[in-house]
Protein backbone atom coordinates (compact mmCIF):
# COMPACT_ATOMS: atom_id res chain seq x y z
CA UNK A 1 96.54 -11.21 34.31
CA UNK A 2 100.13 -10.43 35.29
CA UNK A 3 101.59 -11.84 38.48
CA UNK A 4 102.04 -9.63 41.55
CA UNK A 5 103.31 -10.99 44.87
CA UNK A 6 101.47 -8.67 47.25
CA UNK A 7 99.63 -10.77 49.84
CA UNK A 8 96.91 -9.53 52.11
CA UNK A 9 93.40 -10.61 53.06
CA UNK A 10 90.32 -9.71 51.08
CA UNK A 11 86.66 -9.46 52.07
CA UNK A 12 83.96 -8.59 49.56
CA UNK A 13 80.13 -9.05 49.06
CA UNK A 14 77.47 -11.37 47.93
CA UNK A 15 77.13 -14.03 45.22
CA UNK A 16 74.33 -15.00 42.88
CA UNK A 17 74.08 -17.50 40.12
CA UNK A 18 73.30 -16.34 36.60
CA UNK A 19 72.87 -18.09 33.27
CA UNK A 20 73.52 -16.28 30.05
CA UNK A 21 71.33 -15.69 27.01
CA UNK A 22 72.76 -14.45 23.76
CA UNK A 23 72.17 -11.56 21.40
CA UNK A 24 73.39 -10.60 17.93
CA UNK A 25 76.70 -8.71 18.10
CA UNK A 26 76.20 -4.96 18.30
CA UNK A 27 72.66 -5.23 19.68
CA UNK A 28 71.52 -4.35 23.20
CA UNK A 29 73.10 -6.57 25.86
CA UNK A 30 71.18 -9.78 26.60
CA UNK A 31 69.73 -10.61 30.00
CA UNK A 32 72.22 -13.19 31.30
CA UNK A 33 69.72 -14.58 33.80
CA UNK A 34 68.26 -16.72 31.04
CA UNK A 35 69.61 -19.80 29.29
CA UNK A 36 69.80 -19.13 25.56
CA UNK A 37 67.99 -21.04 22.85
CA UNK A 38 71.01 -23.10 21.84
CA UNK A 39 71.43 -24.52 25.35
CA UNK A 40 74.44 -22.48 26.50
CA UNK A 41 74.40 -22.28 30.28
CA UNK A 42 77.65 -20.56 31.18
CA UNK A 43 77.73 -17.00 32.54
CA UNK A 44 79.74 -14.20 30.98
CA UNK A 45 81.33 -11.52 33.11
CA UNK A 46 84.47 -9.43 33.40
CA UNK A 47 87.75 -9.94 35.23
CA UNK A 48 88.36 -6.73 37.19
CA UNK A 49 91.99 -6.88 36.12
CA UNK A 50 90.64 -5.44 32.87
CA UNK A 51 90.01 -2.20 34.77
CA UNK A 52 92.98 -2.27 37.13
CA UNK A 53 94.08 1.25 36.15
CA UNK A 54 90.75 2.58 37.40
CA UNK A 55 89.53 2.99 40.96
CA UNK A 56 87.25 0.27 42.25
CA UNK A 57 84.29 2.65 42.18
CA UNK A 58 84.89 3.43 38.52
CA UNK A 59 85.65 -0.21 37.65
CA UNK A 60 82.34 -1.40 39.07
CA UNK A 61 80.51 1.35 37.20
CA UNK A 62 82.29 0.28 34.00
CA UNK A 63 81.42 -3.39 34.54
CA UNK A 64 77.79 -2.39 35.05
CA UNK A 65 77.82 -0.21 31.95
CA UNK A 66 79.27 -3.07 29.90
CA UNK A 67 76.41 -5.32 31.02
CA UNK A 68 78.46 -7.58 33.29
CA UNK A 69 76.85 -8.59 36.57
CA UNK A 70 79.54 -11.04 37.68
CA UNK A 71 83.15 -10.01 38.25
CA UNK A 72 86.35 -11.75 39.26
CA UNK A 73 88.45 -9.90 41.81
CA UNK A 74 92.15 -9.99 42.48
CA UNK A 75 93.91 -9.53 45.77
CA UNK A 76 96.48 -6.93 44.70
CA UNK A 77 94.01 -4.40 43.27
CA UNK A 78 94.77 -0.86 44.47
CA UNK A 79 91.24 0.39 45.05
CA UNK A 80 91.66 4.17 44.85
CA UNK A 81 91.07 7.27 46.91
CA UNK A 82 87.64 6.13 48.13
CA UNK A 83 89.53 3.43 50.04
CA UNK A 84 92.62 5.49 50.91
CA UNK A 85 94.45 3.67 48.11
CA UNK A 86 94.28 0.41 50.06
CA UNK A 87 94.87 -2.89 48.27
CA UNK A 88 91.77 -5.06 47.98
CA UNK A 89 93.55 -7.66 50.07
CA UNK A 90 94.27 -5.23 52.89
CA UNK A 91 90.84 -3.76 53.53
CA UNK A 92 89.55 -3.12 57.02
CA UNK A 93 86.15 -4.46 58.06
CA UNK A 94 84.61 -1.06 57.31
CA UNK A 95 86.33 -0.93 53.95
CA UNK A 96 85.05 -4.38 53.08
CA UNK A 97 81.49 -3.40 53.98
CA UNK A 98 81.81 -0.31 51.80
CA UNK A 99 83.01 -2.38 48.86
CA UNK A 100 80.18 -4.87 49.33
CA UNK A 101 77.63 -2.08 49.35
CA UNK A 102 79.05 -0.52 46.17
CA UNK A 103 78.72 -3.83 44.33
CA UNK A 104 75.27 -4.48 45.76
CA UNK A 105 74.08 -1.05 44.59
CA UNK A 106 74.96 -2.05 41.02
CA UNK A 107 73.55 -5.57 41.27
CA UNK A 108 77.05 -6.97 40.82
CA UNK A 109 78.49 -9.99 42.59
CA UNK A 110 81.85 -11.73 42.75
CA UNK A 111 82.13 -15.44 42.03
CA UNK A 112 85.88 -16.03 42.06
CA UNK A 113 89.12 -14.37 43.07
CA UNK A 114 92.68 -14.47 41.72
CA UNK A 115 95.04 -14.82 44.69
CA UNK A 116 98.77 -15.33 45.11
CA UNK A 117 101.59 -14.94 47.53
CA UNK A 118 100.53 -17.45 50.22
CA UNK A 119 103.66 -19.03 51.65
CA UNK A 120 102.18 -21.52 54.10
CA UNK A 121 99.00 -23.14 55.39
CA UNK A 122 98.14 -20.25 57.70
CA UNK A 123 98.25 -17.77 54.84
CA UNK A 124 96.21 -20.05 52.59
CA UNK A 125 93.62 -20.39 55.36
CA UNK A 126 93.24 -16.60 55.33
CA UNK A 127 92.33 -16.75 51.64
CA UNK A 128 89.89 -19.59 52.24
CA UNK A 129 88.29 -17.72 55.15
CA UNK A 130 87.78 -14.72 52.85
CA UNK A 131 86.37 -16.93 50.10
CA UNK A 132 83.98 -18.56 52.56
CA UNK A 133 82.71 -15.18 53.71
CA UNK A 134 82.19 -14.17 50.09
CA UNK A 135 80.56 -17.48 49.17
CA UNK A 136 83.00 -17.80 46.29
CA UNK A 137 82.97 -20.94 44.16
CA UNK A 138 86.71 -21.09 43.64
CA UNK A 139 90.07 -19.41 44.11
CA UNK A 140 92.23 -18.86 41.03
CA UNK A 141 95.94 -19.39 41.66
CA UNK A 142 99.20 -21.02 40.57
CA UNK A 143 100.19 -22.99 43.67
CA UNK A 144 103.58 -24.36 44.56
CA UNK A 145 103.85 -28.11 44.08
CA UNK A 146 104.67 -28.51 47.77
CA UNK A 147 101.26 -26.99 48.56
CA UNK A 148 99.15 -29.35 46.44
CA UNK A 149 98.15 -31.84 49.14
CA UNK A 150 97.55 -29.16 51.74
CA UNK A 151 95.49 -27.05 49.33
CA UNK A 152 93.35 -29.97 48.24
CA UNK A 153 92.61 -30.74 51.87
CA UNK A 154 91.71 -27.12 52.61
CA UNK A 155 89.55 -26.91 49.51
CA UNK A 156 87.63 -29.99 50.59
CA UNK A 157 87.19 -28.70 54.12
CA UNK A 158 85.93 -25.30 53.00
CA UNK A 159 83.92 -26.56 50.03
CA UNK A 160 85.73 -24.13 47.72
CA UNK A 161 87.63 -25.32 44.65
CA UNK A 162 91.09 -24.39 43.43
CA UNK A 163 91.22 -23.29 39.77
CA UNK A 164 94.77 -23.49 38.45
CA UNK A 165 95.55 -20.59 36.13
CA UNK A 166 97.94 -20.81 33.18
CA UNK A 167 100.20 -17.89 32.41
CA UNK A 168 102.38 -18.20 29.31
CA UNK A 169 105.38 -20.49 29.35
CA UNK A 170 107.99 -17.94 30.38
CA UNK A 171 105.97 -17.10 33.51
CA UNK A 172 104.27 -20.23 34.77
CA UNK A 173 104.88 -23.89 35.51
CA UNK A 174 101.26 -24.39 34.47
CA UNK A 175 101.52 -23.07 30.90
CA UNK A 176 100.63 -26.46 29.39
CA UNK A 177 97.47 -28.49 30.23
CA UNK A 178 99.69 -31.49 31.01
CA UNK A 179 101.02 -29.69 34.10
CA UNK A 180 97.49 -28.84 35.25
CA UNK A 181 96.41 -32.46 34.73
CA UNK A 182 99.41 -33.60 36.78
CA UNK A 183 98.42 -31.26 39.61
CA UNK A 184 94.81 -32.45 39.51
CA UNK A 185 95.78 -36.12 39.75
CA UNK A 186 94.85 -37.29 43.23
CA UNK A 187 93.50 -33.84 44.10
CA UNK A 188 89.73 -33.94 43.49
CA UNK A 189 89.23 -30.33 44.56
CA UNK A 190 91.51 -28.96 41.84
CA UNK A 191 90.28 -27.73 38.47
CA UNK A 192 91.41 -25.33 35.77
CA UNK A 193 91.03 -21.66 35.01
CA UNK A 194 91.52 -21.80 31.24
CA UNK A 195 93.34 -18.74 29.89
CA UNK A 196 92.78 -18.81 26.14
CA UNK A 197 95.21 -16.00 25.30
CA UNK A 198 98.13 -17.32 27.30
CA UNK A 199 97.79 -20.73 25.66
CA UNK A 200 98.07 -19.12 22.22
CA UNK A 201 101.04 -17.04 23.40
CA UNK A 202 102.72 -20.32 24.35
CA UNK A 203 102.12 -21.79 20.90
CA UNK A 204 99.25 -24.04 22.01
CA UNK A 205 95.90 -24.52 20.29
CA UNK A 206 93.28 -23.21 22.77
CA UNK A 207 90.59 -25.60 21.51
CA UNK A 208 92.86 -28.61 21.93
CA UNK A 209 93.78 -27.39 25.43
CA UNK A 210 90.10 -27.10 26.34
CA UNK A 211 89.58 -30.64 25.08
CA UNK A 212 92.43 -31.92 27.25
CA UNK A 213 90.84 -30.35 30.33
CA UNK A 214 87.29 -31.40 29.54
CA UNK A 215 85.22 -31.83 32.66
CA UNK A 216 87.72 -29.98 34.86
CA UNK A 217 87.31 -26.35 33.72
CA UNK A 218 85.91 -24.10 36.45
CA UNK A 219 86.31 -20.80 34.62
CA UNK A 220 87.69 -19.23 31.46
CA UNK A 221 89.72 -16.06 30.90
CA UNK A 222 88.74 -15.02 27.39
CA UNK A 223 91.03 -12.81 25.34
CA UNK A 224 92.41 -12.59 21.81
CA UNK A 225 95.98 -11.82 20.76
CA UNK A 226 97.88 -10.33 17.84
CA UNK A 227 100.34 -13.13 17.00
CA UNK A 228 100.60 -16.84 17.77
CA UNK A 229 103.45 -18.48 19.73
CA UNK A 230 104.82 -15.16 20.99
CA UNK A 231 104.95 -14.65 24.77
CA UNK A 232 104.99 -10.88 24.22
CA UNK A 233 102.03 -10.82 21.85
CA UNK A 234 99.63 -7.99 22.59
CA UNK A 235 95.92 -8.38 23.24
CA UNK A 236 93.53 -7.24 20.51
CA UNK A 237 89.77 -6.91 20.30
CA UNK A 238 88.20 -10.34 20.70
CA UNK A 239 87.40 -11.72 17.26
CA UNK A 240 90.12 -9.69 15.52
CA UNK A 241 93.16 -11.75 16.53
CA UNK A 242 94.64 -15.15 15.76
CA UNK A 243 92.42 -17.18 18.12
CA UNK A 244 89.42 -18.94 16.61
CA UNK A 245 86.88 -17.62 19.11
CA UNK A 246 83.85 -19.32 17.46
CA UNK A 247 85.70 -22.65 17.80
CA UNK A 248 86.31 -21.89 21.47
CA UNK A 249 82.60 -21.15 21.87
CA UNK A 250 81.64 -24.40 20.17
CA UNK A 251 84.05 -26.44 22.27
CA UNK A 252 82.65 -25.03 25.51
CA UNK A 253 79.15 -25.73 24.24
CA UNK A 254 80.07 -29.31 23.31
CA UNK A 255 81.37 -29.82 26.85
CA UNK A 256 78.11 -28.54 28.32
CA UNK A 257 80.21 -26.01 30.21
CA UNK A 258 78.30 -24.25 33.00
CA UNK A 259 80.99 -22.13 34.62
CA UNK A 260 82.20 -18.56 34.22
CA UNK A 261 83.58 -16.98 31.05
CA UNK A 262 85.37 -13.78 32.03
CA UNK A 263 86.37 -11.18 29.49
CA UNK A 264 89.92 -10.13 30.39
CA UNK A 265 90.94 -7.11 28.36
CA UNK A 266 94.62 -6.23 28.74
CA UNK A 267 94.92 -3.59 26.02
CA UNK A 268 93.80 0.05 25.79
CA UNK A 269 93.78 -0.03 29.58
CA UNK A 270 93.26 3.70 30.06
CA UNK A 271 89.89 3.60 28.31
CA UNK A 272 88.74 0.09 27.45
CA UNK A 273 85.03 0.19 28.32
CA UNK A 274 84.04 0.00 24.64
CA UNK A 275 86.41 -2.93 24.11
CA UNK A 276 85.02 -4.90 27.05
CA UNK A 277 81.42 -4.15 26.05
CA UNK A 278 82.00 -5.25 22.47
CA UNK A 279 83.81 -8.40 23.62
CA UNK A 280 80.85 -9.38 25.78
CA UNK A 281 78.43 -8.72 22.93
CA UNK A 282 80.56 -10.60 20.42
CA UNK A 283 80.89 -13.73 22.53
CA UNK A 284 77.25 -13.72 23.59
CA UNK A 285 76.26 -13.14 19.97
CA UNK A 286 77.90 -16.35 18.83
CA UNK A 287 75.09 -18.29 20.50
CA UNK A 288 72.42 -16.49 18.50
CA UNK A 289 74.34 -17.27 15.32
CA UNK A 290 74.62 -20.93 16.43
CA UNK A 291 78.17 -21.09 15.07
CA UNK A 292 79.53 -24.39 13.80
């Protein structure tokens, strides 16, 4: 996900908890309400940033078609003509109800939200109020160091975690797990949103990074890239790039990870439904193969 500084409030729908089962790649999508036979208990879904060139109505239809029933929102999403081109974070009460109903009609829920732009406690409280209404598990963000103590306190009060996201090293202070670990120290309500692709862009081994953050990972942004240690490296179809995706799968399994794994497809953005669908199938299929 690329950073955007637009800041508004966001109110969306319901939440439900799903566990994933796995199927052979290329086969019909598995029912993710079941835990698979190799004991994997995370849930796969899609980050709506994958469809950010589409209207919200079309993006939800695409997520449903791909087999994803959990999505991650983002506050600066321009929702399209059905919402008078309003940003997701600037919806009226009526607009929020409409968005909730559209997701409900597809059996889709939102578990987390990427947010940014909050400059002070009052603005952060707006995000937490939204998250509380949505029953979100965590907010994904890259907070200022001066906000750490205040955010940890708010997270504890609201019962909603902070998942620190890592953009690549030219964009984020949190590009290396060491910086995330530093932020988490003394802040029990902080965790990590592990972005596999950005780690590889920064020249880091994603598996080693996952190991460093063991026990603190709230969610994963799963992508694959063309070249290693190149901040400008393009995304490619998951399984076709330089990242050892089976090793990532095995590491999450070894950690008994039970959070969200979001496919985040940042290539072929004008028509990437096939790419997202195949990425979900590929990652789910690794469980059936019991990769080692």
